[in-house]
Amino acid sequence: MVSLNSVLLISFALFSIGVAGVLIRRNALVILMCVELMLNAANLNFIAFARHSGSASGQAFALLVMGFAAAEVAVGLALVVALYRRRDTVQVDDINLLKG
């Protein structure tokens, strides 16, 4: 059986990689993938703590987060496709649609 500390360490590593990717990368698709990595790290925490405490509430909450993540991917990819069609780029530095 895997200990809680090792699962939390793996989750911390995944979340840190996701945060670094969001802060460093400038491609919108890579940023979306890093956000998904951060959500998966949170799901790993929910499941690890649920298994440690013996309740199923963490697993149910992880399923809820997976549903939100699927919706976030659908909306995010639709926005990226719309921006690509309008500006011919997915680099977030080149997108300045909110400027007047």
PDB file of N, CA and C in Angstrom:
ATOM      1  N   MET A   1       0.838  -1.175   0.000  1.00  0.00           N
ATOM      2  CA  MET A   1       0.000   0.000   0.000  1.00  0.00           C
ATOM      3  C   MET A   1       0.885   1.241   0.000  1.00  0.00           C
ATOM      4  N   VAL A   2       0.505   2.220  -0.773  1.00  0.00           N
ATOM      5  CA  VAL A   2       1.270   3.454  -0.916  1.00  0.00           C
ATOM      6  C   VAL A   2       0.928   4.381   0.248  1.00  0.00           C
ATOM      7  N   SER A   3       1.944   4.987   0.838  1.00  0.00           N
ATOM      8  CA  SER A   3       1.696   5.857   1.989  1.00  0.00           C
ATOM      9  C   SER A   3       1.114   7.201   1.544  1.00  0.00           C
ATOM     10  N   LEU A   4       0.473   7.859   2.485  1.00  0.00           N
ATOM     11  CA  LEU A   4      -0.153   9.149   2.208  1.00  0.00           C
ATOM     12  C   LEU A   4       0.902  10.198   1.871  1.00  0.00           C
ATOM     13  N   ASN A   5       2.041  10.144   2.535  1.00  0.00           N
ATOM     14  CA  ASN A   5       3.100  11.129   2.273  1.00  0.00           C
ATOM     15  C   ASN A   5       3.623  11.053   0.850  1.00  0.00           C
ATOM     16  N   SER A   6       3.785   9.849   0.321  1.00  0.00           N
ATOM     17  CA  SER A   6       4.295   9.721  -1.046  1.00  0.00           C
ATOM     18  C   SER A   6       3.269  10.212  -2.064  1.00  0.00           C
ATOM     19  N   VAL A   7       1.998   9.956  -1.804  1.00  0.00           N
ATOM     20  CA  VAL A   7       0.961  10.448  -2.713  1.00  0.00           C
ATOM     21  C   VAL A   7       0.899  11.974  -2.685  1.00  0.00           C
ATOM     22  N   LEU A   8       1.022  12.553  -1.486  1.00  0.00           N
ATOM     23  CA  LEU A   8       1.012  14.012  -1.369  1.00  0.00           C
ATOM     24  C   LEU A   8       2.239  14.629  -2.036  1.00  0.00           C
ATOM     25  N   LEU A   9       3.367  13.953  -1.964  1.00  0.00           N
ATOM     26  CA  LEU A   9       4.570  14.441  -2.626  1.00  0.00           C
ATOM     27  C   LEU A   9       4.411  14.429  -4.145  1.00  0.00           C
ATOM     28  N   ILE A  10       3.839  13.364  -4.673  1.00  0.00           N
ATOM     29  CA  ILE A  10       3.584  13.287  -6.114  1.00  0.00           C
ATOM     30  C   ILE A  10       2.578  14.357  -6.536  1.00  0.00           C
ATOM     31  N   SER A  11       1.553  14.543  -5.729  1.00  0.00           N
ATOM     32  CA  SER A  11       0.559  15.563  -6.030  1.00  0.00           C
ATOM     33  C   SER A  11       1.168  16.957  -6.004  1.00  0.00           C
ATOM     34  N   PHE A  12       2.034  17.211  -5.033  1.00  0.00           N
ATOM     35  CA  PHE A  12       2.717  18.503  -4.960  1.00  0.00           C
ATOM     36  C   PHE A  12       3.588  18.732  -6.191  1.00  0.00           C
ATOM     37  N   ALA A  13       4.277  17.687  -6.640  1.00  0.00           N
ATOM     38  CA  ALA A  13       5.123  17.806  -7.823  1.00  0.00           C
ATOM     39  C   ALA A  13       4.280  18.110  -9.062  1.00  0.00           C
ATOM     40  N   LEU A  14       3.157  17.407  -9.216  1.00  0.00           N
ATOM     41  CA  LEU A  14       2.278  17.667 -10.362  1.00  0.00           C
ATOM     42  C   LEU A  14       1.717  19.081 -10.328  1.00  0.00           C
ATOM     43  N   PHE A  15       1.287  19.527  -9.153  1.00  0.00           N
ATOM     44  CA  PHE A  15       0.733  20.870  -9.037  1.00  0.00           C
ATOM     45  C   PHE A  15       1.803  21.925  -9.311  1.00  0.00           C
ATOM     46  N   SER A  16       3.018  21.689  -8.840  1.00  0.00           N
ATOM     47  CA  SER A  16       4.109  22.641  -9.080  1.00  0.00           C
ATOM     48  C   SER A  16       4.464  22.730 -10.555  1.00  0.00           C
ATOM     49  N   ILE A  17       4.470  21.598 -11.236  1.00  0.00           N
ATOM     50  CA  ILE A  17       4.732  21.603 -12.678  1.00  0.00           C
ATOM     51  C   ILE A  17       3.634  22.373 -13.406  1.00  0.00           C
ATOM     52  N   GLY A  18       2.385  22.193 -12.978  1.00  0.00           N
ATOM     53  CA  GLY A  18       1.278  22.922 -13.589  1.00  0.00           C
ATOM     54  C   GLY A  18       1.372  24.412 -13.370  1.00  0.00           C
ATOM     55  N   VAL A  19       1.702  24.842 -12.153  1.00  0.00           N
ATOM     56  CA  VAL A  19       1.841  26.275 -11.868  1.00  0.00           C
ATOM     57  C   VAL A  19       2.991  26.863 -12.673  1.00  0.00           C
ATOM     58  N   ALA A  20       4.110  26.160 -12.735  1.00  0.00           N
ATOM     59  CA  ALA A  20       5.247  26.645 -13.517  1.00  0.00           C
ATOM     60  C   ALA A  20       4.884  26.758 -14.989  1.00  0.00           C
ATOM     61  N   GLY A  21       4.133  25.806 -15.501  1.00  0.00           N
ATOM     62  CA  GLY A  21       3.721  25.871 -16.900  1.00  0.00           C
ATOM     63  C   GLY A  21       2.790  27.033 -17.186  1.00  0.00           C
ATOM     64  N   VAL A  22       1.880  27.320 -16.259  1.00  0.00           N
ATOM     65  CA  VAL A  22       0.972  28.453 -16.454  1.00  0.00           C
ATOM     66  C   VAL A  22       1.748  29.768 -16.414  1.00  0.00           C
ATOM     67  N   LEU A  23       2.713  29.866 -15.520  1.00  0.00           N
ATOM     68  CA  LEU A  23       3.454  31.119 -15.373  1.00  0.00           C
ATOM     69  C   LEU A  23       4.509  31.336 -16.453  1.00  0.00           C
ATOM     70  N   ILE A  24       5.092  30.270 -16.969  1.00  0.00           N
ATOM     71  CA  ILE A  24       6.212  30.395 -17.900  1.00  0.00           C
ATOM     72  C   ILE A  24       5.769  30.354 -19.359  1.00  0.00           C
ATOM     73  N   ARG A  25       4.885  29.449 -19.700  1.00  0.00           N
ATOM     74  CA  ARG A  25       4.518  29.242 -21.098  1.00  0.00           C
ATOM     75  C   ARG A  25       3.628  30.361 -21.626  1.00  0.00           C
ATOM     76  N   ARG A  26       3.664  30.584 -22.927  1.00  0.00           N
ATOM     77  CA  ARG A  26       2.860  31.618 -23.563  1.00  0.00           C
ATOM     78  C   ARG A  26       1.902  31.058 -24.609  1.00  0.00           C
ATOM     79  N   ASN A  27       1.861  29.756 -24.759  1.00  0.00           N
ATOM     80  CA  ASN A  27       0.936  29.127 -25.690  1.00  0.00           C
ATOM     81  C   ASN A  27      -0.353  28.796 -24.940  1.00  0.00           C
ATOM     82  N   ALA A  28      -1.495  29.194 -25.495  1.00  0.00           N
ATOM     83  CA  ALA A  28      -2.769  29.015 -24.804  1.00  0.00           C
ATOM     84  C   ALA A  28      -3.101  27.537 -24.593  1.00  0.00           C
ATOM     85  N   LEU A  29      -2.759  26.689 -25.538  1.00  0.00           N
ATOM     86  CA  LEU A  29      -3.042  25.259 -25.385  1.00  0.00           C
ATOM     87  C   LEU A  29      -2.203  24.638 -24.271  1.00  0.00           C
ATOM     88  N   VAL A  30      -0.950  25.043 -24.168  1.00  0.00           N
ATOM     89  CA  VAL A  30      -0.087  24.528 -23.108  1.00  0.00           C
ATOM     90  C   VAL A  30      -0.577  25.026 -21.750  1.00  0.00           C
ATOM     91  N   ILE A  31      -1.054  26.258 -21.693  1.00  0.00           N
ATOM     92  CA  ILE A  31      -1.594  26.786 -20.440  1.00  0.00           C
ATOM     93  C   ILE A  31      -2.826  25.988 -20.022  1.00  0.00           C
ATOM     94  N   LEU A  32      -3.698  25.649 -20.972  1.00  0.00           N
ATOM     95  CA  LEU A  32      -4.863  24.821 -20.649  1.00  0.00           C
ATOM     96  C   LEU A  32      -4.454  23.442 -20.141  1.00  0.00           C
ATOM     97  N   MET A  33      -3.432  22.850 -20.758  1.00  0.00           N
ATOM     98  CA  MET A  33      -2.966  21.549 -20.294  1.00  0.00           C
ATOM     99  C   MET A  33      -2.373  21.638 -18.889  1.00  0.00           C
ATOM    100  N   CYS A  34      -1.705  22.738 -18.576  1.00  0.00           N
ATOM    101  CA  CYS A  34      -1.133  22.905 -17.238  1.00  0.00           C
ATOM    102  C   CYS A  34      -2.226  23.104 -16.195  1.00  0.00           C
ATOM    103  N   VAL A  35      -3.306  23.782 -16.558  1.00  0.00           N
ATOM    104  CA  VAL A  35      -4.439  23.917 -15.643  1.00  0.00           C
ATOM    105  C   VAL A  35      -5.057  22.549 -15.379  1.00  0.00           C
ATOM    106  N   GLU A  36      -5.155  21.736 -16.397  1.00  0.00           N
ATOM    107  CA  GLU A  36      -5.664  20.371 -16.221  1.00  0.00           C
ATOM    108  C   GLU A  36      -4.740  19.555 -15.315  1.00  0.00           C
ATOM    109  N   LEU A  37      -3.444  19.747 -15.443  1.00  0.00           N
ATOM    110  CA  LEU A  37      -2.491  19.055 -14.582  1.00  0.00           C
ATOM    111  C   LEU A  37      -2.683  19.466 -13.127  1.00  0.00           C
ATOM    112  N   MET A  38      -2.955  20.745 -12.891  1.00  0.00           N
ATOM    113  CA  MET A  38      -3.196  21.217 -11.532  1.00  0.00           C
ATOM    114  C   MET A  38      -4.498  20.629 -10.977  1.00  0.00           C
ATOM    115  N   LEU A  39      -5.531  20.540 -11.806  1.00  0.00           N
ATOM    116  CA  LEU A  39      -6.787  19.928 -11.354  1.00  0.00           C
ATOM    117  C   LEU A  39      -6.611  18.445 -11.045  1.00  0.00           C
ATOM    118  N   ASN A  40      -5.804  17.758 -11.839  1.00  0.00           N
ATOM    119  CA  ASN A  40      -5.545  16.343 -11.567  1.00  0.00           C
ATOM    120  C   ASN A  40      -4.751  16.158 -10.277  1.00  0.00           C
ATOM    121  N   ALA A  41      -3.856  17.082  -9.971  1.00  0.00           N
ATOM    122  CA  ALA A  41      -3.125  17.012  -8.705  1.00  0.00           C
ATOM    123  C   ALA A  41      -4.083  17.192  -7.526  1.00  0.00           C
ATOM    124  N   ALA A  42      -5.045  18.112  -7.673  1.00  0.00           N
ATOM    125  CA  ALA A  42      -6.043  18.297  -6.613  1.00  0.00           C
ATOM    126  C   ALA A  42      -6.910  17.048  -6.468  1.00  0.00           C
ATOM    127  N   ASN A  43      -7.279  16.429  -7.583  1.00  0.00           N
ATOM    128  CA  ASN A  43      -8.052  15.189  -7.527  1.00  0.00           C
ATOM    129  C   ASN A  43      -7.275  14.083  -6.825  1.00  0.00           C
ATOM    130  N   LEU A  44      -5.988  14.011  -7.079  1.00  0.00           N
ATOM    131  CA  LEU A  44      -5.163  13.015  -6.407  1.00  0.00           C
ATOM    132  C   LEU A  44      -5.160  13.243  -4.901  1.00  0.00           C
ATOM    133  N   ASN A  45      -5.119  14.509  -4.487  1.00  0.00           N
ATOM    134  CA  ASN A  45      -5.208  14.821  -3.055  1.00  0.00           C
ATOM    135  C   ASN A  45      -6.545  14.398  -2.478  1.00  0.00           C
ATOM    136  N   PHE A  46      -7.637  14.713  -3.172  1.00  0.00           N
ATOM    137  CA  PHE A  46      -8.970  14.337  -2.683  1.00  0.00           C
ATOM    138  C   PHE A  46      -9.079  12.829  -2.485  1.00  0.00           C
ATOM    139  N   ILE A  47      -8.616  12.084  -3.463  1.00  0.00           N
ATOM    140  CA  ILE A  47      -8.725  10.628  -3.392  1.00  0.00           C
ATOM    141  C   ILE A  47      -7.803  10.064  -2.314  1.00  0.00           C
ATOM    142  N   ALA A  48      -6.612  10.634  -2.176  1.00  0.00           N
ATOM    143  CA  ALA A  48      -5.687  10.141  -1.149  1.00  0.00           C
ATOM    144  C   ALA A  48      -6.239  10.380   0.247  1.00  0.00           C
ATOM    145  N   PHE A  49      -6.783  11.569   0.489  1.00  0.00           N
ATOM    146  CA  PHE A  49      -7.335  11.841   1.810  1.00  0.00           C
ATOM    147  C   PHE A  49      -8.609  11.047   2.073  1.00  0.00           C
ATOM    148  N   ALA A  50      -9.399  10.804   1.036  1.00  0.00           N
ATOM    149  CA  ALA A  50     -10.596   9.986   1.210  1.00  0.00           C
ATOM    150  C   ALA A  50     -10.217   8.552   1.551  1.00  0.00           C
ATOM    151  N   ARG A  51      -9.188   8.062   0.901  1.00  0.00           N
ATOM    152  CA  ARG A  51      -8.754   6.698   1.191  1.00  0.00           C
ATOM    153  C   ARG A  51      -8.139   6.605   2.580  1.00  0.00           C
ATOM    154  N   HIS A  52      -7.430   7.653   2.972  1.00  0.00           N
ATOM    155  CA  HIS A  52      -6.802   7.669   4.302  1.00  0.00           C
ATOM    156  C   HIS A  52      -7.847   7.743   5.414  1.00  0.00           C
ATOM    157  N   SER A  53      -8.893   8.526   5.205  1.00  0.00           N
ATOM    158  CA  SER A  53      -9.918   8.675   6.241  1.00  0.00           C
ATOM    159  C   SER A  53     -10.982   7.589   6.177  1.00  0.00           C
ATOM    160  N   GLY A  54     -11.074   6.876   5.080  1.00  0.00           N
ATOM    161  CA  GLY A  54     -12.040   5.791   4.962  1.00  0.00           C
ATOM    162  C   GLY A  54     -13.414   6.223   4.495  1.00  0.00           C
ATOM    163  N   SER A  55     -13.550   7.455   4.029  1.00  0.00           N
ATOM    164  CA  SER A  55     -14.857   7.907   3.538  1.00  0.00           C
ATOM    165  C   SER A  55     -14.821   8.014   2.014  1.00  0.00           C
ATOM    166  N   ALA A  56     -16.007   8.090   1.441  1.00  0.00           N
ATOM    167  CA  ALA A  56     -16.110   8.185  -0.012  1.00  0.00           C
ATOM    168  C   ALA A  56     -16.388   9.610  -0.483  1.00  0.00           C
ATOM    169  N   SER A  57     -16.410  10.558   0.431  1.00  0.00           N
ATOM    170  CA  SER A  57     -16.747  11.926   0.040  1.00  0.00           C
ATOM    171  C   SER A  57     -15.656  12.554  -0.833  1.00  0.00           C
ATOM    172  N   GLY A  58     -14.403  12.256  -0.570  1.00  0.00           N
ATOM    173  CA  GLY A  58     -13.321  12.786  -1.395  1.00  0.00           C
ATOM    174  C   GLY A  58     -13.360  12.246  -2.806  1.00  0.00           C
ATOM    175  N   GLN A  59     -13.721  10.973  -2.940  1.00  0.00           N
ATOM    176  CA  GLN A  59     -13.827  10.389  -4.267  1.00  0.00           C
ATOM    177  C   GLN A  59     -14.995  10.980  -5.037  1.00  0.00           C
ATOM    178  N   ALA A  60     -16.092  11.239  -4.349  1.00  0.00           N
ATOM    179  CA  ALA A  60     -17.239  11.867  -5.009  1.00  0.00           C
ATOM    180  C   ALA A  60     -16.892  13.289  -5.437  1.00  0.00           C
ATOM    181  N   PHE A  61     -16.169  14.009  -4.593  1.00  0.00           N
ATOM    182  CA  PHE A  61     -15.766  15.359  -4.940  1.00  0.00           C
ATOM    183  C   PHE A  61     -14.787  15.352  -6.109  1.00  0.00           C
ATOM    184  N   ALA A  62     -13.920  14.345  -6.176  1.00  0.00           N
ATOM    185  CA  ALA A  62     -12.992  14.227  -7.302  1.00  0.00           C
ATOM    186  C   ALA A  62     -13.746  13.998  -8.607  1.00  0.00           C
ATOM    187  N   LEU A  63     -14.821  13.214  -8.567  1.00  0.00           N
ATOM    188  CA  LEU A  63     -15.642  13.030  -9.766  1.00  0.00           C
ATOM    189  C   LEU A  63     -16.302  14.334 -10.190  1.00  0.00           C
ATOM    190  N   LEU A  64     -16.723  15.125  -9.219  1.00  0.00           N
ATOM    191  CA  LEU A  64     -17.310  16.429  -9.520  1.00  0.00           C
ATOM    192  C   LEU A  64     -16.277  17.345 -10.169  1.00  0.00           C
ATOM    193  N   VAL A  65     -15.063  17.339  -9.656  1.00  0.00           N
ATOM    194  CA  VAL A  65     -14.000  18.161 -10.229  1.00  0.00           C
ATOM    195  C   VAL A  65     -13.659  17.702 -11.639  1.00  0.00           C
ATOM    196  N   MET A  66     -13.717  16.398 -11.891  1.00  0.00           N
ATOM    197  CA  MET A  66     -13.478  15.900 -13.247  1.00  0.00           C
ATOM    198  C   MET A  66     -14.531  16.407 -14.217  1.00  0.00           C
ATOM    199  N   GLY A  67     -15.770  16.492 -13.769  1.00  0.00           N
ATOM    200  CA  GLY A  67     -16.829  17.053 -14.614  1.00  0.00           C
ATOM    201  C   GLY A  67     -16.588  18.515 -14.914  1.00  0.00           C
ATOM    202  N   PHE A  68     -16.176  19.277 -13.893  1.00  0.00           N
ATOM    203  CA  PHE A  68     -15.851  20.683 -14.118  1.00  0.00           C
ATOM    204  C   PHE A  68     -14.653  20.831 -15.049  1.00  0.00           C
ATOM    205  N   ALA A  69     -13.688  19.942 -14.923  1.00  0.00           N
ATOM    206  CA  ALA A  69     -12.512  19.994 -15.786  1.00  0.00           C
ATOM    207  C   ALA A  69     -12.882  19.714 -17.241  1.00  0.00           C
ATOM    208  N   ALA A  70     -13.802  18.792 -17.452  1.00  0.00           N
ATOM    209  CA  ALA A  70     -14.249  18.504 -18.815  1.00  0.00           C
ATOM    210  C   ALA A  70     -14.958  19.715 -19.418  1.00  0.00           C
ATOM    211  N   ALA A  71     -15.774  20.383 -18.627  1.00  0.00           N
ATOM    212  CA  ALA A  71     -16.443  21.583 -19.111  1.00  0.00           C
ATOM    213  C   ALA A  71     -15.436  22.701 -19.373  1.00  0.00           C
ATOM    214  N   GLU A  72     -14.435  22.815 -18.530  1.00  0.00           N
ATOM    215  CA  GLU A  72     -13.405  23.832 -18.717  1.00  0.00           C
ATOM    216  C   GLU A  72     -12.615  23.585 -19.994  1.00  0.00           C
ATOM    217  N   VAL A  73     -12.340  22.341 -20.285  1.00  0.00           N
ATOM    218  CA  VAL A  73     -11.617  22.007 -21.519  1.00  0.00           C
ATOM    219  C   VAL A  73     -12.463  22.359 -22.739  1.00  0.00           C
ATOM    220  N   ALA A  74     -13.736  22.052 -22.699  1.00  0.00           N
ATOM    221  CA  ALA A  74     -14.603  22.341 -23.838  1.00  0.00           C
ATOM    222  C   ALA A  74     -14.687  23.849 -24.097  1.00  0.00           C
ATOM    223  N   VAL A  75     -14.890  24.623 -23.053  1.00  0.00           N
ATOM    224  CA  VAL A  75     -14.982  26.078 -23.212  1.00  0.00           C
ATOM    225  C   VAL A  75     -13.629  26.661 -23.600  1.00  0.00           C
ATOM    226  N   GLY A  76     -12.569  26.187 -22.960  1.00  0.00           N
ATOM    227  CA  GLY A  76     -11.231  26.699 -23.268  1.00  0.00           C
ATOM    228  C   GLY A  76     -10.809  26.421 -24.697  1.00  0.00           C
ATOM    229  N   LEU A  77     -11.054  25.217 -25.176  1.00  0.00           N
ATOM    230  CA  LEU A  77     -10.694  24.904 -26.556  1.00  0.00           C
ATOM    231  C   LEU A  77     -11.544  25.693 -27.550  1.00  0.00           C
ATOM    232  N   ALA A  78     -12.813  25.919 -27.225  1.00  0.00           N
ATOM    233  CA  ALA A  78     -13.648  26.743 -28.102  1.00  0.00           C
ATOM    234  C   ALA A  78     -13.109  28.171 -28.173  1.00  0.00           C
ATOM    235  N   LEU A  79     -12.679  28.713 -27.042  1.00  0.00           N
ATOM    236  CA  LEU A  79     -12.097  30.058 -27.044  1.00  0.00           C
ATOM    237  C   LEU A  79     -10.787  30.104 -27.824  1.00  0.00           C
ATOM    238  N   VAL A  80      -9.955  29.090 -27.671  1.00  0.00           N
ATOM    239  CA  VAL A  80      -8.681  29.064 -28.390  1.00  0.00           C
ATOM    240  C   VAL A  80      -8.919  28.961 -29.892  1.00  0.00           C
ATOM    241  N   VAL A  81      -9.868  28.132 -30.313  1.00  0.00           N
ATOM    242  CA  VAL A  81     -10.173  28.016 -31.750  1.00  0.00           C
ATOM    243  C   VAL A  81     -10.712  29.334 -32.288  1.00  0.00           C
ATOM    244  N   ALA A  82     -11.583  29.995 -31.528  1.00  0.00           N
ATOM    245  CA  ALA A  82     -12.121  31.283 -31.973  1.00  0.00           C
ATOM    246  C   ALA A  82     -11.014  32.336 -32.068  1.00  0.00           C
ATOM    247  N   LEU A  83     -10.103  32.352 -31.093  1.00  0.00           N
ATOM    248  CA  LEU A  83      -8.991  33.303 -31.148  1.00  0.00           C
ATOM    249  C   LEU A  83      -8.046  32.993 -32.303  1.00  0.00           C
ATOM    250  N   TYR A  84      -7.823  31.719 -32.574  1.00  0.00           N
ATOM    251  CA  TYR A  84      -6.950  31.352 -33.679  1.00  0.00           C
ATOM    252  C   TYR A  84      -7.556  31.774 -35.012  1.00  0.00           C
ATOM    253  N   ARG A  85      -8.862  31.603 -35.147  1.00  0.00           N
ATOM    254  CA  ARG A  85      -9.512  32.014 -36.391  1.00  0.00           C
ATOM    255  C   ARG A  85      -9.471  33.526 -36.582  1.00  0.00           C
ATOM    256  N   ARG A  86      -9.512  34.262 -35.489  1.00  0.00           N
ATOM    257  CA  ARG A  86      -9.536  35.719 -35.582  1.00  0.00           C
ATOM    258  C   ARG A  86      -8.141  36.313 -35.724  1.00  0.00           C
ATOM    259  N   ARG A  87      -7.160  35.794 -34.974  1.00  0.00           N
ATOM    260  CA  ARG A  87      -5.814  36.382 -34.934  1.00  0.00           C
ATOM    261  C   ARG A  87      -4.728  35.517 -35.563  1.00  0.00           C
ATOM    262  N   ASP A  88      -5.018  34.298 -35.949  1.00  0.00           N
ATOM    263  CA  ASP A  88      -4.048  33.359 -36.524  1.00  0.00           C
ATOM    264  C   ASP A  88      -2.871  33.069 -35.595  1.00  0.00           C
ATOM    265  N   THR A  89      -3.113  33.094 -34.291  1.00  0.00           N
ATOM    266  CA  THR A  89      -2.084  32.743 -33.322  1.00  0.00           C
ATOM    267  C   THR A  89      -2.744  32.251 -32.041  1.00  0.00           C
ATOM    268  N   VAL A  90      -2.010  31.418 -31.299  1.00  0.00           N
ATOM    269  CA  VAL A  90      -2.478  30.988 -29.983  1.00  0.00           C
ATOM    270  C   VAL A  90      -1.509  31.444 -28.896  1.00  0.00           C
ATOM    271  N   GLN A  91      -0.592  32.333 -29.248  1.00  0.00           N
ATOM    272  CA  GLN A  91       0.329  32.901 -28.276  1.00  0.00           C
ATOM    273  C   GLN A  91      -0.396  33.984 -27.482  1.00  0.00           C
ATOM    274  N   VAL A  92      -0.402  33.873 -26.163  1.00  0.00           N
ATOM    275  CA  VAL A  92      -1.176  34.803 -25.350  1.00  0.00           C
ATOM    276  C   VAL A  92      -0.564  36.198 -25.350  1.00  0.00           C
ATOM    277  N   ASP A  93       0.709  36.341 -25.655  1.00  0.00           N
ATOM    278  CA  ASP A  93       1.321  37.666 -25.732  1.00  0.00           C
ATOM    279  C   ASP A  93       0.826  38.445 -26.948  1.00  0.00           C
ATOM    280  N   ASP A  94       0.457  37.747 -28.004  1.00  0.00           N
ATOM    281  CA  ASP A  94       0.023  38.406 -29.239  1.00  0.00           C
ATOM    282  C   ASP A  94      -1.469  38.730 -29.250  1.00  0.00           C
ATOM    283  N   ILE A  95      -2.186  38.269 -28.270  1.00  0.00           N
ATOM    284  CA  ILE A  95      -3.645  38.473 -28.234  1.00  0.00           C
ATOM    285  C   ILE A  95      -3.942  39.669 -27.354  1.00  0.00           C
ATOM    286  N   ASN A  96      -4.486  40.707 -27.968  1.00  0.00           N
ATOM    287  CA  ASN A  96      -4.824  41.928 -27.227  1.00  0.00           C
ATOM    288  C   ASN A  96      -6.216  42.396 -27.624  1.00  0.00           C
ATOM    289  N   LEU A  97      -7.182  41.498 -27.577  1.00  0.00           N
ATOM    290  CA  LEU A  97      -8.540  41.804 -28.013  1.00  0.00           C
ATOM    291  C   LEU A  97      -9.258  42.764 -27.076  1.00  0.00           C
ATOM    292  N   LEU A  98      -8.854  42.878 -25.824  1.00  0.00           N
ATOM    293  CA  LEU A  98      -9.556  43.726 -24.881  1.00  0.00           C
ATOM    294  C   LEU A  98      -9.077  45.171 -24.911  1.00  0.00           C
ATOM    295  N   LYS A  99      -8.061  45.447 -25.668  1.00  0.00           N
ATOM    296  CA  LYS A  99      -7.594  46.835 -25.765  1.00  0.00           C
ATOM    297  C   LYS A  99      -8.541  47.628 -26.652  1.00  0.00           C
ATOM    298  N   GLY A 100      -8.846  48.859 -26.237  1.00  0.00           N
ATOM    299  CA  GLY A 100      -9.806  49.700 -26.958  1.00  0.00           C
ATOM    300  C   GLY A 100      -9.253  50.322 -28.123  1.00  0.00           C
TER     301      GLY A 100
END
